[in-house]
PDB file of N, CA and C in Angstrom:
ATOM      1  N   UNK A   1      25.315  49.970 -11.526  1.00  0.00           N
ATOM      2  CA  UNK A   1      24.386  48.863 -11.430  1.00  0.00           C
ATOM      3  C   UNK A   1      24.842  47.937 -10.308  1.00  0.00           C
ATOM      4  N   UNK A   2      23.926  47.579  -9.441  1.00  0.00           N
ATOM      5  CA  UNK A   2      24.201  46.679  -8.317  1.00  0.00           C
ATOM      6  C   UNK A   2      23.611  45.305  -8.611  1.00  0.00           C
ATOM      7  N   UNK A   3      24.488  44.319  -8.673  1.00  0.00           N
ATOM      8  CA  UNK A   3      24.083  42.973  -9.052  1.00  0.00           C
ATOM      9  C   UNK A   3      24.392  41.995  -7.927  1.00  0.00           C
ATOM     10  N   UNK A   4      23.458  41.091  -7.680  1.00  0.00           N
ATOM     11  CA  UNK A   4      23.656  40.026  -6.700  1.00  0.00           C
ATOM     12  C   UNK A   4      23.690  38.693  -7.449  1.00  0.00           C
ATOM     13  N   UNK A   5      24.696  37.896  -7.120  1.00  0.00           N
ATOM     14  CA  UNK A   5      24.814  36.547  -7.649  1.00  0.00           C
ATOM     15  C   UNK A   5      24.568  35.572  -6.507  1.00  0.00           C
ATOM     16  N   UNK A   6      23.693  34.604  -6.744  1.00  0.00           N
ATOM     17  CA  UNK A   6      23.418  33.582  -5.730  1.00  0.00           C
ATOM     18  C   UNK A   6      23.672  32.220  -6.359  1.00  0.00           C
ATOM     19  N   UNK A   7      24.668  31.533  -5.853  1.00  0.00           N
ATOM     20  CA  UNK A   7      24.985  30.187  -6.329  1.00  0.00           C
ATOM     21  C   UNK A   7      25.725  29.458  -5.217  1.00  0.00           C
ATOM     22  N   UNK A   8      25.364  28.215  -4.972  1.00  0.00           N
ATOM     23  CA  UNK A   8      26.023  27.457  -3.914  1.00  0.00           C
ATOM     24  C   UNK A   8      27.442  27.048  -4.287  1.00  0.00           C
ATOM     25  N   UNK A   9      27.832  27.256  -5.543  1.00  0.00           N
ATOM     26  CA  UNK A   9      29.188  26.939  -6.001  1.00  0.00           C
ATOM     27  C   UNK A   9      30.005  28.236  -6.054  1.00  0.00           C
ATOM     28  N   UNK A  10      30.933  28.438  -5.125  1.00  0.00           N
ATOM     29  CA  UNK A  10      31.718  29.677  -5.105  1.00  0.00           C
ATOM     30  C   UNK A  10      32.475  29.937  -6.414  1.00  0.00           C
ATOM     31  N   UNK A  11      32.951  28.887  -7.067  1.00  0.00           N
ATOM     32  CA  UNK A  11      33.682  29.063  -8.324  1.00  0.00           C
ATOM     33  C   UNK A  11      32.783  29.653  -9.411  1.00  0.00           C
ATOM     34  N   UNK A  12      31.522  29.236  -9.436  1.00  0.00           N
ATOM     35  CA  UNK A  12      30.574  29.784 -10.411  1.00  0.00           C
ATOM     36  C   UNK A  12      30.336  31.268 -10.136  1.00  0.00           C
ATOM     37  N   UNK A  13      30.186  31.616  -8.868  1.00  0.00           N
ATOM     38  CA  UNK A  13      30.015  33.028  -8.521  1.00  0.00           C
ATOM     39  C   UNK A  13      31.217  33.856  -8.950  1.00  0.00           C
ATOM     40  N   UNK A  14      32.408  33.353  -8.717  1.00  0.00           N
ATOM     41  CA  UNK A  14      33.623  34.083  -9.108  1.00  0.00           C
ATOM     42  C   UNK A  14      33.680  34.240 -10.619  1.00  0.00           C
ATOM     43  N   UNK A  15      33.398  33.169 -11.339  1.00  0.00           N
ATOM     44  CA  UNK A  15      33.407  33.230 -12.803  1.00  0.00           C
ATOM     45  C   UNK A  15      32.405  34.261 -13.316  1.00  0.00           C
ATOM     46  N   UNK A  16      31.179  34.216 -12.790  1.00  0.00           N
ATOM     47  CA  UNK A  16      30.157  35.164 -13.230  1.00  0.00           C
ATOM     48  C   UNK A  16      30.521  36.599 -12.855  1.00  0.00           C
ATOM     49  N   UNK A  17      31.119  36.779 -11.695  1.00  0.00           N
ATOM     50  CA  UNK A  17      31.548  38.119 -11.295  1.00  0.00           C
ATOM     51  C   UNK A  17      32.580  38.678 -12.270  1.00  0.00           C
ATOM     52  N   UNK A  18      33.545  37.866 -12.650  1.00  0.00           N
ATOM     53  CA  UNK A  18      34.569  38.292 -13.618  1.00  0.00           C
ATOM     54  C   UNK A  18      33.915  38.645 -14.951  1.00  0.00           C
ATOM     55  N   UNK A  19      33.006  37.800 -15.430  1.00  0.00           N
ATOM     56  CA  UNK A  19      32.327  38.058 -16.706  1.00  0.00           C
ATOM     57  C   UNK A  19      31.508  39.351 -16.658  1.00  0.00           C
ATOM     58  N   UNK A  20      30.821  39.567 -15.556  1.00  0.00           N
ATOM     59  CA  UNK A  20      30.036  40.800 -15.415  1.00  0.00           C
ATOM     60  C   UNK A  20      30.930  42.026 -15.470  1.00  0.00           C
ATOM     61  N   UNK A  21      32.029  41.977 -14.765  1.00  0.00           N
ATOM     62  CA  UNK A  21      32.934  43.124 -14.723  1.00  0.00           C
ATOM     63  C   UNK A  21      33.627  43.351 -16.067  1.00  0.00           C
ATOM     64  N   UNK A  22      33.790  42.302 -16.851  1.00  0.00           N
ATOM     65  CA  UNK A  22      34.336  42.442 -18.204  1.00  0.00           C
ATOM     66  C   UNK A  22      33.327  43.133 -19.127  1.00  0.00           C
ATOM     67  N   UNK A  23      32.037  42.790 -18.965  1.00  0.00           N
ATOM     68  CA  UNK A  23      30.992  43.298 -19.855  1.00  0.00           C
ATOM     69  C   UNK A  23      30.413  44.643 -19.429  1.00  0.00           C
ATOM     70  N   UNK A  24      30.435  44.931 -18.144  1.00  0.00           N
ATOM     71  CA  UNK A  24      29.839  46.157 -17.625  1.00  0.00           C
ATOM     72  C   UNK A  24      30.892  46.925 -16.838  1.00  0.00           C
ATOM     73  N   UNK A  25      31.189  48.122 -17.269  1.00  0.00           N
ATOM     74  CA  UNK A  25      32.245  48.882 -16.615  1.00  0.00           C
ATOM     75  C   UNK A  25      31.830  49.401 -15.245  1.00  0.00           C
ATOM     76  N   UNK A  26      30.590  49.791 -15.109  1.00  0.00           N
ATOM     77  CA  UNK A  26      30.127  50.334 -13.831  1.00  0.00           C
ATOM     78  C   UNK A  26      29.189  49.340 -13.170  1.00  0.00           C
ATOM     79  N   UNK A  27      29.784  48.406 -12.480  1.00  0.00           N
ATOM     80  CA  UNK A  27      28.989  47.372 -11.842  1.00  0.00           C
ATOM     81  C   UNK A  27      29.558  47.056 -10.458  1.00  0.00           C
ATOM     82  N   UNK A  28      28.653  46.857  -9.541  1.00  0.00           N
ATOM     83  CA  UNK A  28      29.004  46.387  -8.206  1.00  0.00           C
ATOM     84  C   UNK A  28      28.374  45.013  -8.066  1.00  0.00           C
ATOM     85  N   UNK A  29      29.183  44.017  -7.709  1.00  0.00           N
ATOM     86  CA  UNK A  29      28.695  42.642  -7.638  1.00  0.00           C
ATOM     87  C   UNK A  29      28.870  42.105  -6.220  1.00  0.00           C
ATOM     88  N   UNK A  30      27.798  41.598  -5.671  1.00  0.00           N
ATOM     89  CA  UNK A  30      27.837  40.908  -4.382  1.00  0.00           C
ATOM     90  C   UNK A  30      27.511  39.442  -4.626  1.00  0.00           C
ATOM     91  N   UNK A  31      28.318  38.554  -4.060  1.00  0.00           N
ATOM     92  CA  UNK A  31      28.122  37.117  -4.246  1.00  0.00           C
ATOM     93  C   UNK A  31      27.656  36.472  -2.952  1.00  0.00           C
ATOM     94  N   UNK A  32      26.691  35.594  -3.083  1.00  0.00           N
ATOM     95  CA  UNK A  32      26.164  34.839  -1.957  1.00  0.00           C
ATOM     96  C   UNK A  32      26.101  33.371  -2.331  1.00  0.00           C
ATOM     97  N   UNK A  33      26.366  32.503  -1.335  1.00  0.00           N
ATOM     98  CA  UNK A  33      26.271  31.060  -1.556  1.00  0.00           C
ATOM     99  C   UNK A  33      24.958  30.489  -1.040  1.00  0.00           C
ATOM    100  N   UNK A  34      24.166  31.307  -0.376  1.00  0.00           N
ATOM    101  CA  UNK A  34      22.911  30.851   0.210  1.00  0.00           C
ATOM    102  C   UNK A  34      21.858  31.943   0.005  1.00  0.00           C
ATOM    103  N   UNK A  35      20.778  31.599  -0.655  1.00  0.00           N
ATOM    104  CA  UNK A  35      19.723  32.576  -0.960  1.00  0.00           C
ATOM    105  C   UNK A  35      19.088  33.148   0.302  1.00  0.00           C
ATOM    106  N   UNK A  36      19.110  32.386   1.383  1.00  0.00           N
ATOM    107  CA  UNK A  36      18.526  32.877   2.640  1.00  0.00           C
ATOM    108  C   UNK A  36      19.251  34.121   3.133  1.00  0.00           C
ATOM    109  N   UNK A  37      20.547  34.214   2.863  1.00  0.00           N
ATOM    110  CA  UNK A  37      21.311  35.396   3.278  1.00  0.00           C
ATOM    111  C   UNK A  37      20.870  36.641   2.513  1.00  0.00           C
ATOM    112  N   UNK A  38      20.508  36.478   1.269  1.00  0.00           N
ATOM    113  CA  UNK A  38      20.024  37.614   0.471  1.00  0.00           C
ATOM    114  C   UNK A  38      18.680  38.096   1.015  1.00  0.00           C
ATOM    115  N   UNK A  39      17.790  37.167   1.328  1.00  0.00           N
ATOM    116  CA  UNK A  39      16.492  37.532   1.907  1.00  0.00           C
ATOM    117  C   UNK A  39      16.703  38.316   3.203  1.00  0.00           C
ATOM    118  N   UNK A  40      17.623  37.863   4.049  1.00  0.00           N
ATOM    119  CA  UNK A  40      17.908  38.580   5.300  1.00  0.00           C
ATOM    120  C   UNK A  40      18.393  40.003   5.025  1.00  0.00           C
ATOM    121  N   UNK A  41      19.273  40.159   4.038  1.00  0.00           N
ATOM    122  CA  UNK A  41      19.809  41.489   3.711  1.00  0.00           C
ATOM    123  C   UNK A  41      18.721  42.393   3.141  1.00  0.00           C
ATOM    124  N   UNK A  42      17.842  41.857   2.307  1.00  0.00           N
ATOM    125  CA  UNK A  42      16.737  42.641   1.762  1.00  0.00           C
ATOM    126  C   UNK A  42      15.790  43.048   2.892  1.00  0.00           C
ATOM    127  N   UNK A  43      15.510  42.115   3.767  1.00  0.00           N
ATOM    128  CA  UNK A  43      14.610  42.372   4.886  1.00  0.00           C
ATOM    129  C   UNK A  43      15.155  43.458   5.817  1.00  0.00           C
ATOM    130  N   UNK A  44      16.469  43.492   5.986  1.00  0.00           N
ATOM    131  CA  UNK A  44      17.085  44.496   6.860  1.00  0.00           C
ATOM    132  C   UNK A  44      17.359  45.811   6.122  1.00  0.00           C
ATOM    133  N   UNK A  45      17.041  45.833   4.828  1.00  0.00           N
ATOM    134  CA  UNK A  45      17.243  47.013   3.982  1.00  0.00           C
ATOM    135  C   UNK A  45      18.700  47.459   3.949  1.00  0.00           C
ATOM    136  N   UNK A  46      19.610  46.506   4.058  1.00  0.00           N
ATOM    137  CA  UNK A  46      21.033  46.828   4.062  1.00  0.00           C
ATOM    138  C   UNK A  46      21.688  46.583   2.705  1.00  0.00           C
ATOM    139  N   UNK A  47      20.866  46.464   1.685  1.00  0.00           N
ATOM    140  CA  UNK A  47      21.413  46.146   0.368  1.00  0.00           C
ATOM    141  C   UNK A  47      20.552  46.801  -0.714  1.00  0.00           C
ATOM    142  N   UNK A  48      21.207  47.420  -1.674  1.00  0.00           N
ATOM    143  CA  UNK A  48      20.524  47.991  -2.840  1.00  0.00           C
ATOM    144  C   UNK A  48      20.848  47.102  -4.037  1.00  0.00           C
ATOM    145  N   UNK A  49      19.816  46.633  -4.697  1.00  0.00           N
ATOM    146  CA  UNK A  49      20.012  45.680  -5.794  1.00  0.00           C
ATOM    147  C   UNK A  49      19.237  46.139  -7.023  1.00  0.00           C
ATOM    148  N   UNK A  50      19.869  46.001  -8.196  1.00  0.00           N
ATOM    149  CA  UNK A  50      19.186  46.252  -9.455  1.00  0.00           C
ATOM    150  C   UNK A  50      18.736  44.946 -10.107  1.00  0.00           C
ATOM    151  N   UNK A  51      19.585  43.936 -10.004  1.00  0.00           N
ATOM    152  CA  UNK A  51      19.259  42.648 -10.622  1.00  0.00           C
ATOM    153  C   UNK A  51      19.881  41.513  -9.815  1.00  0.00           C
ATOM    154  N   UNK A  52      19.171  40.388  -9.785  1.00  0.00           N
ATOM    155  CA  UNK A  52      19.629  39.203  -9.064  1.00  0.00           C
ATOM    156  C   UNK A  52      19.715  38.044 -10.055  1.00  0.00           C
ATOM    157  N   UNK A  53      20.863  37.392 -10.084  1.00  0.00           N
ATOM    158  CA  UNK A  53      21.031  36.154 -10.837  1.00  0.00           C
ATOM    159  C   UNK A  53      21.100  35.034  -9.812  1.00  0.00           C
ATOM    160  N   UNK A  54      20.149  34.101  -9.879  1.00  0.00           N
ATOM    161  CA  UNK A  54      20.023  33.072  -8.846  1.00  0.00           C
ATOM    162  C   UNK A  54      20.027  31.686  -9.482  1.00  0.00           C
ATOM    163  N   UNK A  55      20.887  30.822  -8.962  1.00  0.00           N
ATOM    164  CA  UNK A  55      20.920  29.431  -9.410  1.00  0.00           C
ATOM    165  C   UNK A  55      19.616  28.743  -9.007  1.00  0.00           C
ATOM    166  N   UNK A  56      19.074  27.959  -9.904  1.00  0.00           N
ATOM    167  CA  UNK A  56      17.805  27.279  -9.635  1.00  0.00           C
ATOM    168  C   UNK A  56      17.965  26.112  -8.668  1.00  0.00           C
ATOM    169  N   UNK A  57      19.069  25.398  -8.748  1.00  0.00           N
ATOM    170  CA  UNK A  57      19.254  24.179  -7.965  1.00  0.00           C
ATOM    171  C   UNK A  57      20.303  24.378  -6.884  1.00  0.00           C
ATOM    172  N   UNK A  58      19.826  24.687  -5.681  1.00  0.00           N
ATOM    173  CA  UNK A  58      20.720  24.879  -4.546  1.00  0.00           C
ATOM    174  C   UNK A  58      20.136  24.166  -3.331  1.00  0.00           C
ATOM    175  N   UNK A  59      21.016  23.807  -2.377  1.00  0.00           N
ATOM    176  CA  UNK A  59      20.500  23.234  -1.128  1.00  0.00           C
ATOM    177  C   UNK A  59      19.909  24.336  -0.252  1.00  0.00           C
ATOM    178  N   UNK A  60      19.225  23.978   0.764  1.00  0.00           N
ATOM    179  CA  UNK A  60      18.622  24.877   1.756  1.00  0.00           C
ATOM    180  C   UNK A  60      17.470  25.681   1.176  1.00  0.00           C
ATOM    181  N   UNK A  61      17.721  26.509   0.177  1.00  0.00           N
ATOM    182  CA  UNK A  61      16.675  27.306  -0.474  1.00  0.00           C
ATOM    183  C   UNK A  61      16.950  27.275  -1.976  1.00  0.00           C
ATOM    184  N   UNK A  62      16.082  26.609  -2.731  1.00  0.00           N
ATOM    185  CA  UNK A  62      16.263  26.537  -4.182  1.00  0.00           C
ATOM    186  C   UNK A  62      15.963  27.902  -4.807  1.00  0.00           C
ATOM    187  N   UNK A  63      16.284  28.039  -6.068  1.00  0.00           N
ATOM    188  CA  UNK A  63      15.953  29.270  -6.775  1.00  0.00           C
ATOM    189  C   UNK A  63      14.458  29.538  -6.788  1.00  0.00           C
ATOM    190  N   UNK A  64      13.672  28.481  -6.966  1.00  0.00           N
ATOM    191  CA  UNK A  64      12.213  28.649  -6.953  1.00  0.00           C
ATOM    192  C   UNK A  64      11.724  29.049  -5.571  1.00  0.00           C
ATOM    193  N   UNK A  65      12.302  28.475  -4.530  1.00  0.00           N
ATOM    194  CA  UNK A  65      11.933  28.874  -3.163  1.00  0.00           C
ATOM    195  C   UNK A  65      12.274  30.347  -2.932  1.00  0.00           C
ATOM    196  N   UNK A  66      13.442  30.756  -3.432  1.00  0.00           N
ATOM    197  CA  UNK A  66      13.847  32.155  -3.308  1.00  0.00           C
ATOM    198  C   UNK A  66      12.839  33.070  -4.001  1.00  0.00           C
ATOM    199  N   UNK A  67      12.453  32.721  -5.226  1.00  0.00           N
ATOM    200  CA  UNK A  67      11.502  33.546  -5.981  1.00  0.00           C
ATOM    201  C   UNK A  67      10.185  33.680  -5.231  1.00  0.00           C
ATOM    202  N   UNK A  68       9.705  32.596  -4.662  1.00  0.00           N
ATOM    203  CA  UNK A  68       8.426  32.643  -3.938  1.00  0.00           C
ATOM    204  C   UNK A  68       8.484  33.612  -2.765  1.00  0.00           C
ATOM    205  N   UNK A  69       9.586  33.613  -2.033  1.00  0.00           N
ATOM    206  CA  UNK A  69       9.743  34.534  -0.912  1.00  0.00           C
ATOM    207  C   UNK A  69      10.009  35.947  -1.421  1.00  0.00           C
ATOM    208  N   UNK A  70      10.907  36.068  -2.394  1.00  0.00           N
ATOM    209  CA  UNK A  70      11.281  37.381  -2.911  1.00  0.00           C
ATOM    210  C   UNK A  70      10.091  38.106  -3.536  1.00  0.00           C
ATOM    211  N   UNK A  71       9.221  37.382  -4.187  1.00  0.00           N
ATOM    212  CA  UNK A  71       8.064  37.989  -4.861  1.00  0.00           C
ATOM    213  C   UNK A  71       7.230  38.827  -3.880  1.00  0.00           C
ATOM    214  N   UNK A  72       7.154  38.405  -2.641  1.00  0.00           N
ATOM    215  CA  UNK A  72       6.414  39.173  -1.623  1.00  0.00           C
ATOM    216  C   UNK A  72       7.076  40.535  -1.423  1.00  0.00           C
ATOM    217  N   UNK A  73       8.395  40.559  -1.301  1.00  0.00           N
ATOM    218  CA  UNK A  73       9.123  41.830  -1.149  1.00  0.00           C
ATOM    219  C   UNK A  73       8.925  42.708  -2.388  1.00  0.00           C
ATOM    220  N   UNK A  74       8.968  42.080  -3.546  1.00  0.00           N
ATOM    221  CA  UNK A  74       8.805  42.807  -4.809  1.00  0.00           C
ATOM    222  C   UNK A  74       7.409  43.424  -4.888  1.00  0.00           C
ATOM    223  N   UNK A  75       6.384  42.648  -4.569  1.00  0.00           N
ATOM    224  CA  UNK A  75       5.008  43.136  -4.629  1.00  0.00           C
ATOM    225  C   UNK A  75       4.762  44.265  -3.628  1.00  0.00           C
ATOM    226  N   UNK A  76       5.410  44.184  -2.471  1.00  0.00           N
ATOM    227  CA  UNK A  76       5.246  45.217  -1.448  1.00  0.00           C
ATOM    228  C   UNK A  76       6.188  46.402  -1.661  1.00  0.00           C
ATOM    229  N   UNK A  77       6.930  46.380  -2.774  1.00  0.00           N
ATOM    230  CA  UNK A  77       7.862  47.453  -3.147  1.00  0.00           C
ATOM    231  C   UNK A  77       9.000  47.636  -2.145  1.00  0.00           C
ATOM    232  N   UNK A  78       9.305  46.575  -1.395  1.00  0.00           N
ATOM    233  CA  UNK A  78      10.454  46.620  -0.490  1.00  0.00           C
ATOM    234  C   UNK A  78      11.751  46.396  -1.262  1.00  0.00           C
ATOM    235  N   UNK A  79      11.618  45.893  -2.470  1.00  0.00           N
ATOM    236  CA  UNK A  79      12.748  45.721  -3.373  1.00  0.00           C
ATOM    237  C   UNK A  79      12.216  45.829  -4.795  1.00  0.00           C
ATOM    238  N   UNK A  80      12.998  46.444  -5.653  1.00  0.00           N
ATOM    239  CA  UNK A  80      12.580  46.593  -7.052  1.00  0.00           C
ATOM    240  C   UNK A  80      13.461  45.788  -8.004  1.00  0.00           C
ATOM    241  N   UNK A  81      14.410  45.059  -7.461  1.00  0.00           N
ATOM    242  CA  UNK A  81      15.302  44.267  -8.310  1.00  0.00           C
ATOM    243  C   UNK A  81      14.522  43.177  -9.028  1.00  0.00           C
ATOM    244  N   UNK A  82      14.917  42.930 -10.252  1.00  0.00           N
ATOM    245  CA  UNK A  82      14.342  41.832 -11.021  1.00  0.00           C
ATOM    246  C   UNK A  82      15.272  40.637 -10.909  1.00  0.00           C
ATOM    247  N   UNK A  83      14.730  39.445 -11.147  1.00  0.00           N
ATOM    248  CA  UNK A  83      15.468  38.199 -10.945  1.00  0.00           C
ATOM    249  C   UNK A  83      15.560  37.402 -12.228  1.00  0.00           C
ATOM    250  N   UNK A  84      16.731  36.805 -12.446  1.00  0.00           N
ATOM    251  CA  UNK A  84      16.932  35.819 -13.511  1.00  0.00           C
ATOM    252  C   UNK A  84      17.360  34.527 -12.830  1.00  0.00           C
ATOM    253  N   UNK A  85      16.665  33.451 -13.136  1.00  0.00           N
ATOM    254  CA  UNK A  85      17.073  32.140 -12.640  1.00  0.00           C
ATOM    255  C   UNK A  85      18.018  31.512 -13.657  1.00  0.00           C
ATOM    256  N   UNK A  86      19.041  30.862 -13.139  1.00  0.00           N
ATOM    257  CA  UNK A  86      20.019  30.185 -13.988  1.00  0.00           C
ATOM    258  C   UNK A  86      20.008  28.707 -13.663  1.00  0.00           C
ATOM    259  N   UNK A  87      20.084  27.873 -14.700  1.00  0.00           N
ATOM    260  CA  UNK A  87      20.046  26.437 -14.455  1.00  0.00           C
ATOM    261  C   UNK A  87      20.765  25.661 -15.545  1.00  0.00           C
ATOM    262  N   UNK A  88      21.368  24.548 -15.134  1.00  0.00           N
ATOM    263  CA  UNK A  88      21.973  23.632 -16.105  1.00  0.00           C
ATOM    264  C   UNK A  88      20.905  22.874 -16.879  1.00  0.00           C
ATOM    265  N   UNK A  89      19.740  22.710 -16.262  1.00  0.00           N
ATOM    266  CA  UNK A  89      18.648  21.968 -16.886  1.00  0.00           C
ATOM    267  C   UNK A  89      17.358  22.768 -16.754  1.00  0.00           C
ATOM    268  N   UNK A  90      16.809  23.157 -17.872  1.00  0.00           N
ATOM    269  CA  UNK A  90      15.550  23.907 -17.876  1.00  0.00           C
ATOM    270  C   UNK A  90      14.478  23.034 -18.512  1.00  0.00           C
ATOM    271  N   UNK A  91      13.381  22.892 -17.801  1.00  0.00           N
ATOM    272  CA  UNK A  91      12.281  22.060 -18.283  1.00  0.00           C
ATOM    273  C   UNK A  91      11.145  22.951 -18.789  1.00  0.00           C
ATOM    274  N   UNK A  92      10.237  22.406 -19.584  1.00  0.00           N
ATOM    275  CA  UNK A  92       9.064  23.189 -19.997  1.00  0.00           C
ATOM    276  C   UNK A  92       8.277  23.702 -18.783  1.00  0.00           C
ATOM    277  N   UNK A  93       8.265  22.925 -17.717  1.00  0.00           N
ATOM    278  CA  UNK A  93       7.580  23.340 -16.495  1.00  0.00           C
ATOM    279  C   UNK A  93       8.195  24.634 -15.930  1.00  0.00           C
ATOM    280  N   UNK A  94       9.507  24.778 -16.060  1.00  0.00           N
ATOM    281  CA  UNK A  94      10.170  25.997 -15.576  1.00  0.00           C
ATOM    282  C   UNK A  94       9.638  27.238 -16.298  1.00  0.00           C
ATOM    283  N   UNK A  95       9.463  27.147 -17.596  1.00  0.00           N
ATOM    284  CA  UNK A  95       8.956  28.290 -18.367  1.00  0.00           C
ATOM    285  C   UNK A  95       7.524  28.635 -17.972  1.00  0.00           C
ATOM    286  N   UNK A  96       6.737  27.630 -17.710  1.00  0.00           N
ATOM    287  CA  UNK A  96       5.357  27.863 -17.259  1.00  0.00           C
ATOM    288  C   UNK A  96       5.360  28.494 -15.877  1.00  0.00           C
ATOM    289  N   UNK A  97       6.154  27.939 -14.977  1.00  0.00           N
ATOM    290  CA  UNK A  97       6.247  28.460 -13.609  1.00  0.00           C
ATOM    291  C   UNK A  97       6.731  29.910 -13.597  1.00  0.00           C
ATOM    292  N   UNK A  98       7.648  30.236 -14.490  1.00  0.00           N
ATOM    293  CA  UNK A  98       8.226  31.586 -14.536  1.00  0.00           C
ATOM    294  C   UNK A  98       7.183  32.659 -14.808  1.00  0.00           C
ATOM    295  N   UNK A  99       6.132  32.317 -15.516  1.00  0.00           N
ATOM    296  CA  UNK A  99       5.104  33.316 -15.843  1.00  0.00           C
ATOM    297  C   UNK A  99       4.283  33.738 -14.629  1.00  0.00           C
ATOM    298  N   UNK A 100       4.414  33.021 -13.531  1.00  0.00           N
ATOM    299  CA  UNK A 100       3.632  33.317 -12.328  1.00  0.00           C
ATOM    300  C   UNK A 100       4.226  34.454 -11.483  1.00  0.00           C
ATOM    301  N   UNK A 101       5.437  34.868 -11.790  1.00  0.00           N
ATOM    302  CA  UNK A 101       6.137  35.817 -10.923  1.00  0.00           C
ATOM    303  C   UNK A 101       6.515  37.095 -11.670  1.00  0.00           C
ATOM    304  N   UNK A 102       6.010  38.193 -11.184  1.00  0.00           N
ATOM    305  CA  UNK A 102       6.287  39.491 -11.807  1.00  0.00           C
ATOM    306  C   UNK A 102       7.763  39.870 -11.704  1.00  0.00           C
ATOM    307  N   UNK A 103       8.407  39.474 -10.623  1.00  0.00           N
ATOM    308  CA  UNK A 103       9.805  39.846 -10.403  1.00  0.00           C
ATOM    309  C   UNK A 103      10.780  39.040 -11.260  1.00  0.00           C
ATOM    310  N   UNK A 104      10.325  37.919 -11.802  1.00  0.00           N
ATOM    311  CA  UNK A 104      11.201  37.028 -12.562  1.00  0.00           C
ATOM    312  C   UNK A 104      11.220  37.421 -14.037  1.00  0.00           C
ATOM    313  N   UNK A 105      12.406  37.723 -14.521  1.00  0.00           N
ATOM    314  CA  UNK A 105      12.556  38.101 -15.926  1.00  0.00           C
ATOM    315  C   UNK A 105      12.501  36.866 -16.817  1.00  0.00           C
ATOM    316  N   UNK A 106      13.329  35.877 -16.484  1.00  0.00           N
ATOM    317  CA  UNK A 106      13.448  34.716 -17.358  1.00  0.00           C
ATOM    318  C   UNK A 106      14.270  33.633 -16.658  1.00  0.00           C
ATOM    319  N   UNK A 107      14.111  32.406 -17.116  1.00  0.00           N
ATOM    320  CA  UNK A 107      14.976  31.307 -16.700  1.00  0.00           C
ATOM    321  C   UNK A 107      15.969  31.092 -17.838  1.00  0.00           C
ATOM    322  N   UNK A 108      17.239  31.244 -17.512  1.00  0.00           N
ATOM    323  CA  UNK A 108      18.296  31.116 -18.521  1.00  0.00           C
ATOM    324  C   UNK A 108      19.097  29.845 -18.293  1.00  0.00           C
ATOM    325  N   UNK A 109      19.593  29.261 -19.390  1.00  0.00           N
ATOM    326  CA  UNK A 109      20.520  28.140 -19.210  1.00  0.00           C
ATOM    327  C   UNK A 109      21.836  28.672 -18.651  1.00  0.00           C
ATOM    328  N   UNK A 110      22.358  27.984 -17.669  1.00  0.00           N
ATOM    329  CA  UNK A 110      23.660  28.371 -17.127  1.00  0.00           C
ATOM    330  C   UNK A 110      24.698  27.842 -18.100  1.00  0.00           C
ATOM    331  N   UNK A 111      25.391  28.749 -18.748  1.00  0.00           N
ATOM    332  CA  UNK A 111      26.331  28.313 -19.774  1.00  0.00           C
ATOM    333  C   UNK A 111      27.641  29.071 -19.658  1.00  0.00           C
ATOM    334  N   UNK A 112      28.647  28.512 -20.274  1.00  0.00           N
ATOM    335  CA  UNK A 112      29.982  29.071 -20.194  1.00  0.00           C
ATOM    336  C   UNK A 112      30.093  30.427 -20.884  1.00  0.00           C
ATOM    337  N   UNK A 113      29.245  30.672 -21.893  1.00  0.00           N
ATOM    338  CA  UNK A 113      29.342  31.952 -22.601  1.00  0.00           C
ATOM    339  C   UNK A 113      28.463  33.039 -21.990  1.00  0.00           C
ATOM    340  N   UNK A 114      27.716  32.702 -20.943  1.00  0.00           N
ATOM    341  CA  UNK A 114      26.905  33.652 -20.172  1.00  0.00           C
ATOM    342  C   UNK A 114      26.194  34.702 -21.038  1.00  0.00           C
ATOM    343  N   UNK A 115      25.334  34.276 -21.963  1.00  0.00           N
ATOM    344  CA  UNK A 115      24.648  35.238 -22.838  1.00  0.00           C
ATOM    345  C   UNK A 115      23.741  36.192 -22.079  1.00  0.00           C
ATOM    346  N   UNK A 116      23.280  35.810 -20.904  1.00  0.00           N
ATOM    347  CA  UNK A 116      22.369  36.648 -20.140  1.00  0.00           C
ATOM    348  C   UNK A 116      23.057  37.920 -19.659  1.00  0.00           C
ATOM    349  N   UNK A 117      24.381  37.933 -19.578  1.00  0.00           N
ATOM    350  CA  UNK A 117      25.074  39.139 -19.140  1.00  0.00           C
ATOM    351  C   UNK A 117      25.144  40.196 -20.239  1.00  0.00           C
ATOM    352  N   UNK A 118      24.817  39.825 -21.454  1.00  0.00           N
ATOM    353  CA  UNK A 118      24.820  40.807 -22.541  1.00  0.00           C
ATOM    354  C   UNK A 118      23.421  41.055 -23.092  1.00  0.00           C
ATOM    355  N   UNK A 119      22.411  40.500 -22.457  1.00  0.00           N
ATOM    356  CA  UNK A 119      21.029  40.691 -22.891  1.00  0.00           C
ATOM    357  C   UNK A 119      20.582  42.099 -22.521  1.00  0.00           C
ATOM    358  N   UNK A 120      20.349  42.935 -23.521  1.00  0.00           N
ATOM    359  CA  UNK A 120      20.016  44.338 -23.270  1.00  0.00           C
ATOM    360  C   UNK A 120      18.680  44.518 -22.533  1.00  0.00           C
ATOM    361  N   UNK A 121      17.785  43.549 -22.640  1.00  0.00           N
ATOM    362  CA  UNK A 121      16.528  43.675 -21.919  1.00  0.00           C
ATOM    363  C   UNK A 121      16.723  43.513 -20.415  1.00  0.00           C
ATOM    364  N   UNK A 122      17.806  42.907 -20.021  1.00  0.00           N
ATOM    365  CA  UNK A 122      18.097  42.715 -18.600  1.00  0.00           C
ATOM    366  C   UNK A 122      19.041  43.800 -18.108  1.00  0.00           C
ATOM    367  N   UNK A 123      20.092  44.026 -18.830  1.00  0.00           N
ATOM    368  CA  UNK A 123      21.155  44.934 -18.394  1.00  0.00           C
ATOM    369  C   UNK A 123      20.894  46.366 -18.821  1.00  0.00           C
ATOM    370  N   UNK A 124      19.811  46.931 -18.326  1.00  0.00           N
ATOM    371  CA  UNK A 124      19.545  48.329 -18.669  1.00  0.00           C
ATOM    372  C   UNK A 124      19.534  49.180 -17.435  1.00  0.00           C
TER     373      UNK A 124
END
């Protein structure tokens, strides 16, 4: 399984990478601090991804901005990876907005116990 983590906080990416590798024995994890870099890699077809975990609140390109751009690649079948947005604060508006994007699985609370890494509906 090829997983991409996008978070502007390098420590969060490292923590999530460790947790993923603890929970999934066969996993390749790529970490990015800027969502724009992931879009560039997808556009150049230099990356194979199964799932993307993206922080909702980042500078330069927010998680929602990333989803809006990524959805075009997903719809055109240039990428088949599904996306989970992670956030410290999830509003009712986030849940409504999430229903607009086929590529978006869910908006999860960013938490220390990382329940999304053991969600069987995502990690298949």
